[in-house]
Structures are given as structure tokens and as C-alpha cells.
Amino acid sequence: MVDTKWEIRGREFVNCNCDYGCPCQFNALPTKGFCQAVGAFEVQKGYHGSTKLDGLKGVAIMAWPGPIHLGNGEAQLVIDRRGTDAQRE
């Protein structure tokens, strides 16, 4: 496994189907037993290996059949069209 150095700093906004505060963030079970969420982000400063991520924006649409920490979730990441091929990869 390759150990690629990376770091990101930026802003995010996430909303899920749970009660206020998102129980999964506090080691609790999801309000309805499953999790559906959408989140938007903007990388203000960052990199992945030699690829700069500054200014990259995107949205993630996510769903888990149970608590997030049990895994088995699915996600679709949408990167702003202004992202370069290297940033998308």
C-alpha cells in the first residue's frame, strides 16, 4: 500500500436525516437506524501527494444501511467542473 502524504483545510456543510447534532459524530446510533447525508466542501488549502487541491469544490451524497461505524455505505462524489484531471483522480 502506498503511503501518500495529504492534508486539507477548508469548509464543509453537511446535512443528514438524523436529529440535530448527528448522533454518529458522538458514538451514538443514527436516529432512524440508518444514515443518509449530503455534504458540500471547499478546500481552501490542501494537497494529495504532489497535487495541489487549493480551491477545489465538491459535493458528496452518502448512505449507510445502519450506523456509519459499521460500514457498508455508499457514496457518490461530485467534483466541480473547474477541478483538474489530477484533482479529480
Protein backbone atom coordinates (compact mmCIF):
# COMPACT_ATOMS: atom_id res chain seq x y z
CA MET A 1 0.00 0.00 0.00
CA VAL A 2 1.32 3.42 -0.95
CA ASP A 3 1.63 5.93 1.87
CA THR A 4 0.68 9.19 0.14
CA LYS A 5 1.02 12.35 2.20
CA TRP A 6 -2.05 14.59 2.15
CA GLU A 7 -3.64 17.47 4.01
CA ILE A 8 -6.77 19.54 3.51
CA ARG A 9 -8.11 22.65 5.22
CA GLY A 10 -11.39 24.19 4.29
CA ARG A 11 -15.09 24.49 4.89
CA GLU A 12 -17.86 21.93 4.80
CA PHE A 13 -21.61 21.89 5.21
CA VAL A 14 -23.27 18.52 5.86
CA ASN A 15 -26.89 17.64 6.46
CA CYS A 16 -28.22 14.18 7.34
CA ASN A 17 -31.55 12.54 8.13
CA CYS A 18 -30.81 12.31 11.87
CA ASP A 19 -31.81 14.57 14.73
CA TYR A 20 -29.83 17.77 15.26
CA GLY A 21 -26.19 17.16 16.09
CA CYS A 22 -25.78 13.94 14.09
CA PRO A 23 -25.56 11.14 16.68
CA CYS A 24 -22.86 9.33 14.66
CA GLN A 25 -20.49 12.21 15.44
CA PHE A 26 -20.84 11.32 19.13
CA ASN A 27 -20.59 7.49 19.01
CA ALA A 28 -24.36 7.11 19.14
CA LEU A 29 -26.70 5.25 16.81
CA PRO A 30 -28.42 7.09 13.95
CA THR A 31 -31.85 8.45 14.86
CA LYS A 32 -33.73 6.30 12.33
CA GLY A 33 -31.31 3.34 12.33
CA PHE A 34 -29.67 4.32 9.04
CA CYS A 35 -27.88 7.37 7.65
CA GLN A 36 -28.44 9.42 4.52
CA ALA A 37 -26.42 12.59 4.07
CA VAL A 38 -25.26 15.18 1.61
CA GLY A 39 -22.25 17.40 2.16
CA ALA A 40 -20.61 20.24 0.27
CA PHE A 41 -16.99 21.27 0.70
CA GLU A 42 -14.40 23.79 -0.40
CA VAL A 43 -10.72 23.04 0.06
CA GLN A 44 -9.11 26.34 0.96
CA LYS A 45 -5.62 24.86 1.12
CA GLY A 46 -4.51 21.32 0.57
CA TYR A 47 -2.61 18.68 -1.35
CA HIS A 48 -2.59 14.97 -2.08
CA GLY A 49 0.93 13.90 -2.91
CA SER A 50 2.20 16.45 -5.43
CA THR A 51 -1.31 17.56 -6.49
CA LYS A 52 -2.47 20.88 -5.06
CA LEU A 53 -6.14 20.93 -4.05
CA ASP A 54 -6.47 24.64 -3.26
CA GLY A 55 -9.90 25.95 -4.32
CA LEU A 56 -11.36 22.53 -5.13
CA LYS A 57 -15.11 22.31 -4.51
CA GLY A 58 -17.44 19.36 -4.47
CA VAL A 59 -20.43 17.54 -3.06
CA ALA A 60 -20.74 14.07 -1.55
CA ILE A 61 -24.02 12.13 -1.45
CA MET A 62 -23.83 9.28 1.06
CA ALA A 63 -25.96 6.49 2.53
CA TRP A 64 -25.36 3.77 5.12
CA PRO A 65 -27.81 0.95 5.89
CA GLY A 66 -27.03 1.25 9.61
CA PRO A 67 -24.59 3.14 11.84
CA ILE A 68 -21.69 4.70 9.93
CA HIS A 69 -19.09 2.92 12.07
CA LEU A 70 -20.38 -0.46 10.83
CA GLY A 71 -19.54 0.48 7.25
CA ASN A 72 -21.26 -0.92 4.16
CA GLY A 73 -22.13 2.59 2.99
CA GLU A 74 -22.21 4.03 -0.48
CA ALA A 75 -21.09 7.45 -1.68
CA GLN A 76 -21.07 9.48 -4.86
CA LEU A 77 -18.58 12.31 -5.07
CA VAL A 78 -19.22 15.18 -7.50
CA ILE A 79 -16.26 17.48 -8.20
CA ASP A 80 -16.72 20.98 -9.58
CA ARG A 81 -16.01 21.07 -13.32
CA ARG A 82 -13.22 23.56 -12.64
CA GLY A 83 -11.24 20.78 -10.94
CA THR A 84 -8.31 19.49 -12.96
CA ASP A 85 -7.95 15.87 -14.08
CA ALA A 86 -5.25 15.38 -11.43
CA GLN A 87 -7.52 16.78 -8.71
CA ARG A 88 -10.38 14.54 -9.82
CA GLU A 89 -8.14 11.49 -9.68
